[in-house]
All heavy atoms as atom14 arrays in JSON, in Angstrom:
{
  "sequence": "RPPYNIKNYVDFDLQCLTMPGDPDGQYCSVTEHTLLTMSRNAKHKQVA",
  "atom14_mask": [
    [1, 1, 1, 1, 1, 1, 1, 1, 1, 1, 1, 0, 0, 0],
    [1, 1, 1, 1, 1, 1, 1, 0, 0, 0, 0, 0, 0, 0],
    [1, 1, 1, 1, 1, 1, 1, 0, 0, 0, 0, 0, 0, 0],
    [1, 1, 1, 1, 1, 1, 1, 1, 1, 1, 1, 1, 0, 0],
    [1, 1, 1, 1, 1, 1, 1, 1, 0, 0, 0, 0, 0, 0],
    [1, 1, 1, 1, 1, 1, 1, 1, 0, 0, 0, 0, 0, 0],
    [1, 1, 1, 1, 1, 1, 1, 1, 1, 0, 0, 0, 0, 0],
    [1, 1, 1, 1, 1, 1, 1, 1, 0, 0, 0, 0, 0, 0],
    [1, 1, 1, 1, 1, 1, 1, 1, 1, 1, 1, 1, 0, 0],
    [1, 1, 1, 1, 1, 1, 1, 0, 0, 0, 0, 0, 0, 0],
    [1, 1, 1, 1, 1, 1, 1, 1, 0, 0, 0, 0, 0, 0],
    [1, 1, 1, 1, 1, 1, 1, 1, 1, 1, 1, 0, 0, 0],
    [1, 1, 1, 1, 1, 1, 1, 1, 0, 0, 0, 0, 0, 0],
    [1, 1, 1, 1, 1, 1, 1, 1, 0, 0, 0, 0, 0, 0],
    [1, 1, 1, 1, 1, 1, 1, 1, 1, 0, 0, 0, 0, 0],
    [1, 1, 1, 1, 1, 1, 0, 0, 0, 0, 0, 0, 0, 0],
    [1, 1, 1, 1, 1, 1, 1, 1, 0, 0, 0, 0, 0, 0],
    [1, 1, 1, 1, 1, 1, 1, 0, 0, 0, 0, 0, 0, 0],
    [1, 1, 1, 1, 1, 1, 1, 1, 0, 0, 0, 0, 0, 0],
    [1, 1, 1, 1, 1, 1, 1, 0, 0, 0, 0, 0, 0, 0],
    [1, 1, 1, 1, 0, 0, 0, 0, 0, 0, 0, 0, 0, 0],
    [1, 1, 1, 1, 1, 1, 1, 1, 0, 0, 0, 0, 0, 0],
    [1, 1, 1, 1, 1, 1, 1, 0, 0, 0, 0, 0, 0, 0],
    [1, 1, 1, 1, 1, 1, 1, 1, 0, 0, 0, 0, 0, 0],
    [1, 1, 1, 1, 0, 0, 0, 0, 0, 0, 0, 0, 0, 0],
    [1, 1, 1, 1, 1, 1, 1, 1, 1, 0, 0, 0, 0, 0],
    [1, 1, 1, 1, 1, 1, 1, 1, 1, 1, 1, 1, 0, 0],
    [1, 1, 1, 1, 1, 1, 0, 0, 0, 0, 0, 0, 0, 0],
    [1, 1, 1, 1, 1, 1, 0, 0, 0, 0, 0, 0, 0, 0],
    [1, 1, 1, 1, 1, 1, 1, 0, 0, 0, 0, 0, 0, 0],
    [1, 1, 1, 1, 1, 1, 1, 0, 0, 0, 0, 0, 0, 0],
    [1, 1, 1, 1, 1, 1, 1, 1, 1, 0, 0, 0, 0, 0],
    [1, 1, 1, 1, 1, 1, 1, 1, 1, 1, 0, 0, 0, 0],
    [1, 1, 1, 1, 1, 1, 1, 0, 0, 0, 0, 0, 0, 0],
    [1, 1, 1, 1, 1, 1, 1, 1, 0, 0, 0, 0, 0, 0],
    [1, 1, 1, 1, 1, 1, 1, 1, 0, 0, 0, 0, 0, 0],
    [1, 1, 1, 1, 1, 1, 1, 0, 0, 0, 0, 0, 0, 0],
    [1, 1, 1, 1, 1, 1, 1, 1, 0, 0, 0, 0, 0, 0],
    [1, 1, 1, 1, 1, 1, 0, 0, 0, 0, 0, 0, 0, 0],
    [1, 1, 1, 1, 1, 1, 1, 1, 1, 1, 1, 0, 0, 0],
    [1, 1, 1, 1, 1, 1, 1, 1, 0, 0, 0, 0, 0, 0],
    [1, 1, 1, 1, 1, 0, 0, 0, 0, 0, 0, 0, 0, 0],
    [1, 1, 1, 1, 1, 1, 1, 1, 1, 0, 0, 0, 0, 0],
    [1, 1, 1, 1, 1, 1, 1, 1, 1, 1, 0, 0, 0, 0],
    [1, 1, 1, 1, 1, 1, 1, 1, 1, 0, 0, 0, 0, 0],
    [1, 1, 1, 1, 1, 1, 1, 1, 1, 0, 0, 0, 0, 0],
    [1, 1, 1, 1, 1, 1, 1, 0, 0, 0, 0, 0, 0, 0],
    [1, 1, 1, 1, 1, 0, 0, 0, 0, 0, 0, 0, 0, 0]
  ],
  "atom14_positions": [
    [[1.03, -14.28, -6.57], [-0.25, -14.48, -7.26], [-0.08, -14.85, -8.72], [0.64, -14.18, -9.46], [-1.07, -13.19, -7.16], [-2.46, -13.32, -7.76], [-3.21, -12.03, -7.64], [-3.39, -11.65, -6.26], [-3.78, -10.44, -5.88], [-4.02, -9.52, -6.77], [-3.93, -10.16, -4.61], [0.0, 0.0, 0.0], [0.0, 0.0, 0.0], [0.0, 0.0, 0.0]],
    [[-0.73, -15.93, -9.17], [-0.72, -16.26, -10.6], [-1.42, -15.16, -11.39], [-2.38, -14.56, -10.89], [-1.53, -17.57, -10.67], [-1.54, -18.08, -9.25], [-1.5, -16.88, -8.38], [0.0, 0.0, 0.0], [0.0, 0.0, 0.0], [0.0, 0.0, 0.0], [0.0, 0.0, 0.0], [0.0, 0.0, 0.0], [0.0, 0.0, 0.0], [0.0, 0.0, 0.0]],
    [[-1.0, -14.83, -12.62], [0.12, -15.45, -13.33], [1.46, -14.75, -13.07], [2.47, -15.14, -13.62], [-0.28, -15.27, -14.8], [-1.0, -13.95, -14.8], [-1.74, -13.88, -13.48], [0.0, 0.0, 0.0], [0.0, 0.0, 0.0], [0.0, 0.0, 0.0], [0.0, 0.0, 0.0], [0.0, 0.0, 0.0], [0.0, 0.0, 0.0], [0.0, 0.0, 0.0]],
    [[1.45, -13.68, -12.24], [2.66, -12.88, -12.08], [3.77, -13.65, -11.39], [4.94, -13.4, -11.59], [2.34, -11.59, -11.29], [1.11, -10.9, -11.82], [-0.08, -10.89, -11.09], [1.13, -10.31, -13.07], [-1.21, -10.29, -11.6], [0.0, -9.7, -13.58], [-1.17, -9.69, -12.84], [-2.29, -9.1, -13.34], [0.0, 0.0, 0.0], [0.0, 0.0, 0.0]],
    [[3.41, -14.65, -10.56], [4.44, -15.39, -9.84], [5.27, -16.26, -10.78], [6.33, -16.76, -10.4], [3.82, -16.24, -8.72], [2.88, -17.32, -9.25], [2.37, -17.19, -10.35], [2.68, -18.36, -8.47], [0.0, 0.0, 0.0], [0.0, 0.0, 0.0], [0.0, 0.0, 0.0], [0.0, 0.0, 0.0], [0.0, 0.0, 0.0], [0.0, 0.0, 0.0]],
    [[4.83, -16.47, -12.01], [5.64, -17.2, -12.98], [6.86, -16.36, -13.34], [7.99, -16.86, -13.39], [4.8, -17.51, -14.24], [3.65, -18.44, -13.86], [5.66, -18.12, -15.33], [2.66, -18.68, -14.99], [0.0, 0.0, 0.0], [0.0, 0.0, 0.0], [0.0, 0.0, 0.0], [0.0, 0.0, 0.0], [0.0, 0.0, 0.0], [0.0, 0.0, 0.0]],
    [[6.66, -15.07, -13.54], [7.77, -14.18, -13.88], [8.67, -13.93, -12.68], [9.89, -13.84, -12.8], [7.21, -12.84, -14.4], [8.28, -11.86, -14.83], [7.67, -10.62, -15.47], [6.86, -9.81, -14.49], [6.38, -8.54, -15.07], [0.0, 0.0, 0.0], [0.0, 0.0, 0.0], [0.0, 0.0, 0.0], [0.0, 0.0, 0.0], [0.0, 0.0, 0.0]],
    [[8.07, -13.81, -11.5], [8.83, -13.48, -10.29], [9.08, -14.7, -9.41], [9.24, -14.58, -8.21], [8.07, -12.42, -9.48], [8.05, -11.08, -10.18], [9.09, -10.61, -10.63], [6.89, -10.48, -10.27], [0.0, 0.0, 0.0], [0.0, 0.0, 0.0], [0.0, 0.0, 0.0], [0.0, 0.0, 0.0], [0.0, 0.0, 0.0], [0.0, 0.0, 0.0]],
    [[9.07, -15.87, -10.0], [9.08, -17.11, -9.22], [10.28, -17.19, -8.28], [11.41, -16.91, -8.68], [9.1, -18.31, -10.16], [9.08, -19.63, -9.44], [7.93, -20.07, -8.78], [10.22, -20.41, -9.39], [7.92, -21.28, -8.12], [10.21, -21.63, -8.72], [9.06, -22.05, -8.08], [9.06, -23.24, -7.41], [0.0, 0.0, 0.0], [0.0, 0.0, 0.0]],
    [[10.02, -17.55, -7.04], [11.09, -17.78, -6.06], [10.9, -19.17, -5.46], [9.79, -19.55, -5.09], [11.08, -16.7, -4.94], [11.54, -15.37, -5.49], [9.72, -16.57, -4.29], [0.0, 0.0, 0.0], [0.0, 0.0, 0.0], [0.0, 0.0, 0.0], [0.0, 0.0, 0.0], [0.0, 0.0, 0.0], [0.0, 0.0, 0.0], [0.0, 0.0, 0.0]],
    [[11.98, -19.92, -5.4], [11.91, -21.3, -4.95], [12.28, -21.41, -3.47], [13.22, -22.11, -3.09], [12.86, -22.17, -5.8], [12.64, -23.65, -5.55], [11.56, -24.02, -5.05], [13.57, -24.43, -5.84], [0.0, 0.0, 0.0], [0.0, 0.0, 0.0], [0.0, 0.0, 0.0], [0.0, 0.0, 0.0], [0.0, 0.0, 0.0], [0.0, 0.0, 0.0]],
    [[11.54, -20.67, -2.65], [11.74, -20.75, -1.2], [10.47, -20.27, -0.51], [9.56, -19.76, -1.17], [12.96, -19.95, -0.73], [12.97, -18.48, -1.14], [12.25, -17.53, -0.42], [13.7, -18.06, -2.24], [12.26, -16.2, -0.78], [13.71, -16.72, -2.61], [12.99, -15.79, -1.89], [0.0, 0.0, 0.0], [0.0, 0.0, 0.0], [0.0, 0.0, 0.0]],
    [[10.43, -20.44, 0.79], [9.25, -20.04, 1.57], [9.29, -18.52, 1.76], [9.94, -18.01, 2.67], [9.25, -20.76, 2.91], [7.99, -20.46, 3.74], [7.07, -19.81, 3.2], [7.94, -20.88, 4.9], [0.0, 0.0, 0.0], [0.0, 0.0, 0.0], [0.0, 0.0, 0.0], [0.0, 0.0, 0.0], [0.0, 0.0, 0.0], [0.0, 0.0, 0.0]],
    [[8.58, -17.81, 0.89], [8.53, -16.34, 0.94], [7.36, -15.89, 1.8], [6.22, -16.27, 1.56], [8.37, -15.78, -0.48], [8.16, -14.27, -0.6], [9.39, -13.51, -0.16], [7.78, -13.9, -2.03], [0.0, 0.0, 0.0], [0.0, 0.0, 0.0], [0.0, 0.0, 0.0], [0.0, 0.0, 0.0], [0.0, 0.0, 0.0], [0.0, 0.0, 0.0]],
    [[7.64, -15.08, 2.81], [6.6, -14.52, 3.67], [6.85, -13.04, 3.87], [7.89, -12.51, 3.46], [6.57, -15.26, 5.02], [6.21, -16.73, 4.91], [6.06, -17.4, 6.26], [5.81, -16.76, 7.27], [6.21, -18.71, 6.29], [0.0, 0.0, 0.0], [0.0, 0.0, 0.0], [0.0, 0.0, 0.0], [0.0, 0.0, 0.0], [0.0, 0.0, 0.0]],
    [[5.89, -12.36, 4.49], [6.07, -10.93, 4.77], [6.08, -10.69, 6.27], [5.48, -11.43, 7.05], [5.0, -10.09, 4.09], [3.38, -10.07, 4.86], [0.0, 0.0, 0.0], [0.0, 0.0, 0.0], [0.0, 0.0, 0.0], [0.0, 0.0, 0.0], [0.0, 0.0, 0.0], [0.0, 0.0, 0.0], [0.0, 0.0, 0.0], [0.0, 0.0, 0.0]],
    [[6.79, -9.64, 6.65], [6.89, -9.21, 8.04], [6.59, -7.72, 8.11], [6.6, -7.02, 7.09], [8.31, -9.45, 8.58], [8.88, -10.87, 8.53], [10.37, -10.83, 8.83], [8.15, -11.76, 9.51], [0.0, 0.0, 0.0], [0.0, 0.0, 0.0], [0.0, 0.0, 0.0], [0.0, 0.0, 0.0], [0.0, 0.0, 0.0], [0.0, 0.0, 0.0]],
    [[6.32, -7.24, 9.3], [6.31, -5.79, 9.5], [7.72, -5.27, 9.26], [8.7, -6.02, 9.35], [5.89, -5.44, 10.93], [6.8, -6.09, 11.84], [4.47, -5.89, 11.23], [0.0, 0.0, 0.0], [0.0, 0.0, 0.0], [0.0, 0.0, 0.0], [0.0, 0.0, 0.0], [0.0, 0.0, 0.0], [0.0, 0.0, 0.0], [0.0, 0.0, 0.0]],
    [[7.84, -4.0, 8.94], [9.17, -3.39, 8.9], [9.71, -3.3, 10.33], [8.94, -3.05, 11.26], [9.1, -2.0, 8.28], [8.8, -2.0, 6.79], [10.1, -2.76, 5.79], [11.39, -1.51, 5.91], [0.0, 0.0, 0.0], [0.0, 0.0, 0.0], [0.0, 0.0, 0.0], [0.0, 0.0, 0.0], [0.0, 0.0, 0.0], [0.0, 0.0, 0.0]],
    [[11.01, -3.52, 10.53], [11.55, -3.41, 11.89], [11.36, -2.01, 12.43], [11.54, -1.02, 11.72], [13.03, -3.76, 11.71], [13.31, -3.58, 10.26], [12.04, -3.87, 9.54], [0.0, 0.0, 0.0], [0.0, 0.0, 0.0], [0.0, 0.0, 0.0], [0.0, 0.0, 0.0], [0.0, 0.0, 0.0], [0.0, 0.0, 0.0], [0.0, 0.0, 0.0]],
    [[10.96, -1.94, 13.7], [10.57, -0.66, 14.29], [11.64, 0.0, 15.12], [12.79, -0.43, 15.19], [0.0, 0.0, 0.0], [0.0, 0.0, 0.0], [0.0, 0.0, 0.0], [0.0, 0.0, 0.0], [0.0, 0.0, 0.0], [0.0, 0.0, 0.0], [0.0, 0.0, 0.0], [0.0, 0.0, 0.0], [0.0, 0.0, 0.0], [0.0, 0.0, 0.0]],
    [[11.23, 1.05, 15.78], [12.09, 1.87, 16.64], [12.67, 1.01, 17.77], [11.93, 0.29, 18.44], [11.24, 3.0, 17.22], [12.07, 4.06, 17.92], [13.03, 3.69, 18.62], [11.75, 5.24, 17.77], [0.0, 0.0, 0.0], [0.0, 0.0, 0.0], [0.0, 0.0, 0.0], [0.0, 0.0, 0.0], [0.0, 0.0, 0.0], [0.0, 0.0, 0.0]],
    [[13.99, 1.08, 18.01], [14.58, 0.32, 19.12], [13.97, 0.66, 20.48], [14.04, -0.16, 21.41], [16.06, 0.72, 19.06], [16.29, 1.12, 17.65], [15.01, 1.76, 17.21], [0.0, 0.0, 0.0], [0.0, 0.0, 0.0], [0.0, 0.0, 0.0], [0.0, 0.0, 0.0], [0.0, 0.0, 0.0], [0.0, 0.0, 0.0], [0.0, 0.0, 0.0]],
    [[13.37, 1.84, 20.61], [12.75, 2.22, 21.88], [11.39, 1.54, 22.08], [10.75, 1.71, 23.12], [12.57, 3.73, 21.97], [13.9, 4.45, 22.14], [14.86, 3.8, 22.64], [13.99, 5.63, 21.76], [0.0, 0.0, 0.0], [0.0, 0.0, 0.0], [0.0, 0.0, 0.0], [0.0, 0.0, 0.0], [0.0, 0.0, 0.0], [0.0, 0.0, 0.0]],
    [[10.93, 0.81, 21.07], [9.72, 0.02, 21.24], [8.47, 0.62, 20.65], [7.41, 0.01, 20.68], [0.0, 0.0, 0.0], [0.0, 0.0, 0.0], [0.0, 0.0, 0.0], [0.0, 0.0, 0.0], [0.0, 0.0, 0.0], [0.0, 0.0, 0.0], [0.0, 0.0, 0.0], [0.0, 0.0, 0.0], [0.0, 0.0, 0.0], [0.0, 0.0, 0.0]],
    [[8.55, 1.82, 20.07], [7.37, 2.43, 19.45], [7.41, 2.15, 17.96], [8.15, 2.78, 17.22], [7.32, 3.94, 19.72], [6.07, 4.59, 19.14], [5.97, 6.07, 19.49], [6.69, 6.55, 20.36], [5.08, 6.77, 18.82], [0.0, 0.0, 0.0], [0.0, 0.0, 0.0], [0.0, 0.0, 0.0], [0.0, 0.0, 0.0], [0.0, 0.0, 0.0]],
    [[6.61, 1.19, 17.54], [6.64, 0.81, 16.13], [6.03, 1.91, 15.27], [5.01, 2.51, 15.61], [5.86, -0.49, 15.9], [5.79, -0.87, 14.43], [6.84, -1.54, 13.84], [4.7, -0.53, 13.65], [6.81, -1.88, 12.5], [4.65, -0.86, 12.31], [5.71, -1.54, 11.73], [5.67, -1.86, 10.4], [0.0, 0.0, 0.0], [0.0, 0.0, 0.0]],
    [[6.66, 2.16, 14.14], [6.07, 3.11, 13.18], [6.56, 2.75, 11.79], [7.73, 2.41, 11.61], [6.45, 4.55, 13.52], [5.55, 5.75, 12.52], [0.0, 0.0, 0.0], [0.0, 0.0, 0.0], [0.0, 0.0, 0.0], [0.0, 0.0, 0.0], [0.0, 0.0, 0.0], [0.0, 0.0, 0.0], [0.0, 0.0, 0.0], [0.0, 0.0, 0.0]],
    [[5.67, 2.8, 10.83], [6.03, 2.55, 9.44], [5.39, 3.62, 8.58], [4.43, 4.27, 9.0], [5.55, 1.15, 9.01], [5.91, 0.9, 7.68], [0.0, 0.0, 0.0], [0.0, 0.0, 0.0], [0.0, 0.0, 0.0], [0.0, 0.0, 0.0], [0.0, 0.0, 0.0], [0.0, 0.0, 0.0], [0.0, 0.0, 0.0], [0.0, 0.0, 0.0]],
    [[5.92, 3.8, 7.38], [5.39, 4.8, 6.45], [4.57, 4.09, 5.38], [5.0, 3.07, 4.83], [6.53, 5.61, 5.8], [5.98, 6.51, 4.71], [7.25, 6.43, 6.86], [0.0, 0.0, 0.0], [0.0, 0.0, 0.0], [0.0, 0.0, 0.0], [0.0, 0.0, 0.0], [0.0, 0.0, 0.0], [0.0, 0.0, 0.0], [0.0, 0.0, 0.0]],
    [[3.39, 4.59, 5.1], [2.52, 4.0, 4.09], [2.25, 5.0, 2.97], [2.17, 6.21, 3.19], [1.17, 3.58, 4.7], [0.67, 4.67, 5.5], [1.32, 2.36, 5.58], [0.0, 0.0, 0.0], [0.0, 0.0, 0.0], [0.0, 0.0, 0.0], [0.0, 0.0, 0.0], [0.0, 0.0, 0.0], [0.0, 0.0, 0.0], [0.0, 0.0, 0.0]],
    [[2.12, 4.48, 1.75], [1.74, 5.32, 0.62], [0.23, 5.22, 0.43], [-0.37, 4.17, 0.66], [2.45, 4.87, -0.66], [3.94, 5.16, -0.65], [4.57, 4.88, -2.01], [3.83, 4.59, -2.97], [5.81, 4.93, -2.09], [0.0, 0.0, 0.0], [0.0, 0.0, 0.0], [0.0, 0.0, 0.0], [0.0, 0.0, 0.0], [0.0, 0.0, 0.0]],
    [[-0.37, 6.32, 0.0], [-1.83, 6.37, -0.14], [-2.22, 6.98, -1.47], [-1.61, 7.95, -1.93], [-2.44, 7.23, 0.97], [-2.16, 6.74, 2.35], [-3.1, 6.13, 3.13], [-1.02, 6.75, 3.08], [-2.57, 5.79, 4.29], [-1.31, 6.16, 4.29], [0.0, 0.0, 0.0], [0.0, 0.0, 0.0], [0.0, 0.0, 0.0], [0.0, 0.0, 0.0]],
    [[-3.25, 6.42, -2.11], [-3.91, 7.12, -3.21], [-5.22, 7.66, -2.68], [-5.93, 6.98, -1.93], [-4.18, 6.2, -4.42], [-4.77, 4.99, -3.98], [-2.93, 5.93, -5.19], [0.0, 0.0, 0.0], [0.0, 0.0, 0.0], [0.0, 0.0, 0.0], [0.0, 0.0, 0.0], [0.0, 0.0, 0.0], [0.0, 0.0, 0.0], [0.0, 0.0, 0.0]],
    [[-5.53, 8.88, -3.09], [-6.69, 9.6, -2.57], [-7.65, 9.93, -3.71], [-7.25, 10.12, -4.86], [-6.24, 10.92, -1.92], [-4.97, 10.9, -1.08], [-4.66, 12.31, -0.59], [-5.12, 9.94, 0.08], [0.0, 0.0, 0.0], [0.0, 0.0, 0.0], [0.0, 0.0, 0.0], [0.0, 0.0, 0.0], [0.0, 0.0, 0.0], [0.0, 0.0, 0.0]],
    [[-8.92, 10.01, -3.37], [-9.94, 10.51, -4.28], [-10.26, 11.93, -3.87], [-10.64, 12.19, -2.72], [-11.2, 9.64, -4.19], [-11.06, 8.23, -4.76], [-12.08, 7.31, -4.11], [-11.22, 8.25, -6.27], [0.0, 0.0, 0.0], [0.0, 0.0, 0.0], [0.0, 0.0, 0.0], [0.0, 0.0, 0.0], [0.0, 0.0, 0.0], [0.0, 0.0, 0.0]],
    [[-10.09, 12.87, -4.79], [-10.32, 14.28, -4.47], [-11.32, 14.89, -5.45], [-11.54, 14.34, -6.54], [-9.01, 15.08, -4.51], [-8.44, 14.99, -5.83], [-8.01, 14.54, -3.49], [0.0, 0.0, 0.0], [0.0, 0.0, 0.0], [0.0, 0.0, 0.0], [0.0, 0.0, 0.0], [0.0, 0.0, 0.0], [0.0, 0.0, 0.0], [0.0, 0.0, 0.0]],
    [[-11.89, 16.0, -5.05], [-12.91, 16.68, -5.86], [-12.43, 18.07, -6.25], [-11.85, 18.78, -5.43], [-14.21, 16.8, -5.08], [-15.37, 17.4, -5.88], [-16.8, 17.87, -4.83], [-17.12, 16.34, -3.95], [0.0, 0.0, 0.0], [0.0, 0.0, 0.0], [0.0, 0.0, 0.0], [0.0, 0.0, 0.0], [0.0, 0.0, 0.0], [0.0, 0.0, 0.0]],
    [[-12.69, 18.45, -7.49], [-12.34, 19.78, -7.95], [-13.2, 20.84, -7.26], [-14.4, 20.64, -7.04], [-12.52, 19.89, -9.46], [-12.45, 21.25, -9.88], [0.0, 0.0, 0.0], [0.0, 0.0, 0.0], [0.0, 0.0, 0.0], [0.0, 0.0, 0.0], [0.0, 0.0, 0.0], [0.0, 0.0, 0.0], [0.0, 0.0, 0.0], [0.0, 0.0, 0.0]],
    [[-12.58, 21.95, -6.94], [-13.34, 23.08, -6.39], [-14.39, 23.57, -7.38], [-15.42, 24.13, -7.0], [-12.37, 24.22, -6.04], [-13.01, 25.42, -5.38], [-11.98, 26.49, -5.07], [-11.11, 26.08, -4.0], [-11.33, 26.29, -2.7], [-12.45, 26.89, -2.32], [-10.46, 25.92, -1.79], [0.0, 0.0, 0.0], [0.0, 0.0, 0.0], [0.0, 0.0, 0.0]],
    [[-14.14, 23.32, -8.67], [-15.05, 23.8, -9.71], [-16.06, 22.76, -10.16], [-16.76, 22.96, -11.16], [-14.24, 24.27, -10.93], [-13.35, 25.45, -10.6], [-13.72, 26.31, -9.81], [-12.16, 25.48, -11.18], [0.0, 0.0, 0.0], [0.0, 0.0, 0.0], [0.0, 0.0, 0.0], [0.0, 0.0, 0.0], [0.0, 0.0, 0.0], [0.0, 0.0, 0.0]],
    [[-16.13, 21.62, -9.46], [-17.09, 20.59, -9.85], [-18.52, 21.15, -9.84], [-18.94, 21.77, -8.86], [-16.98, 19.39, -8.91], [0.0, 0.0, 0.0], [0.0, 0.0, 0.0], [0.0, 0.0, 0.0], [0.0, 0.0, 0.0], [0.0, 0.0, 0.0], [0.0, 0.0, 0.0], [0.0, 0.0, 0.0], [0.0, 0.0, 0.0], [0.0, 0.0, 0.0]],
    [[-19.27, 20.91, -10.9], [-20.61, 21.46, -11.02], [-21.6, 20.68, -10.16], [-22.46, 21.26, -9.49], [-21.05, 21.44, -12.48], [-22.43, 22.04, -12.73], [-22.79, 22.03, -14.2], [-24.17, 22.61, -14.44], [-24.57, 22.57, -15.88], [0.0, 0.0, 0.0], [0.0, 0.0, 0.0], [0.0, 0.0, 0.0], [0.0, 0.0, 0.0], [0.0, 0.0, 0.0]],
    [[-21.49, 19.35, -10.19], [-22.41, 18.5, -9.44], [-21.65, 17.89, -8.25], [-21.25, 16.72, -8.28], [-22.99, 17.41, -10.33], [-23.68, 17.93, -11.55], [-24.87, 18.62, -11.49], [-23.35, 17.88, -12.86], [-25.25, 18.96, -12.71], [-24.34, 18.52, -13.56], [0.0, 0.0, 0.0], [0.0, 0.0, 0.0], [0.0, 0.0, 0.0], [0.0, 0.0, 0.0]],
    [[-21.46, 18.68, -7.22], [-20.61, 18.26, -6.11], [-21.18, 17.08, -5.34], [-20.44, 16.18, -4.93], [-20.35, 19.44, -5.17], [-19.42, 20.5, -5.76], [-19.11, 21.59, -4.75], [-17.97, 22.51, -5.23], [-18.27, 23.19, -6.48], [0.0, 0.0, 0.0], [0.0, 0.0, 0.0], [0.0, 0.0, 0.0], [0.0, 0.0, 0.0], [0.0, 0.0, 0.0]],
    [[-22.48, 17.03, -5.14], [-23.06, 15.9, -4.4], [-22.9, 14.61, -5.2], [-22.59, 13.54, -4.64], [-24.53, 16.15, -4.1], [-25.18, 15.08, -3.22], [-24.55, 14.98, -1.84], [-24.44, 15.98, -1.12], [-24.14, 13.77, -1.45], [0.0, 0.0, 0.0], [0.0, 0.0, 0.0], [0.0, 0.0, 0.0], [0.0, 0.0, 0.0], [0.0, 0.0, 0.0]],
    [[-23.09, 14.69, -6.51], [-22.92, 13.51, -7.37], [-21.46, 13.05, -7.32], [-21.17, 11.85, -7.2], [-23.34, 13.83, -8.82], [-23.04, 12.64, -9.74], [-24.81, 14.18, -8.88], [0.0, 0.0, 0.0], [0.0, 0.0, 0.0], [0.0, 0.0, 0.0], [0.0, 0.0, 0.0], [0.0, 0.0, 0.0], [0.0, 0.0, 0.0], [0.0, 0.0, 0.0]],
    [[-20.54, 14.01, -7.41], [-19.12, 13.68, -7.36], [-18.76, 13.02, -6.04], [-18.04, 12.02, -6.0], [-18.28, 14.94, -7.57], [0.0, 0.0, 0.0], [0.0, 0.0, 0.0], [0.0, 0.0, 0.0], [0.0, 0.0, 0.0], [0.0, 0.0, 0.0], [0.0, 0.0, 0.0], [0.0, 0.0, 0.0], [0.0, 0.0, 0.0], [0.0, 0.0, 0.0]]
  ]
}
């Protein structure tokens, strides 16, 4: 994505694939997640 690809420019056909899976045929990959959480002490819980 411009403009970041100027710094990370690669002069070849770059594509993405799934991560290679289990040889037994059950694909599984690990994903990172950011979560939205609420404080137990929040005063306006419905608003939050």
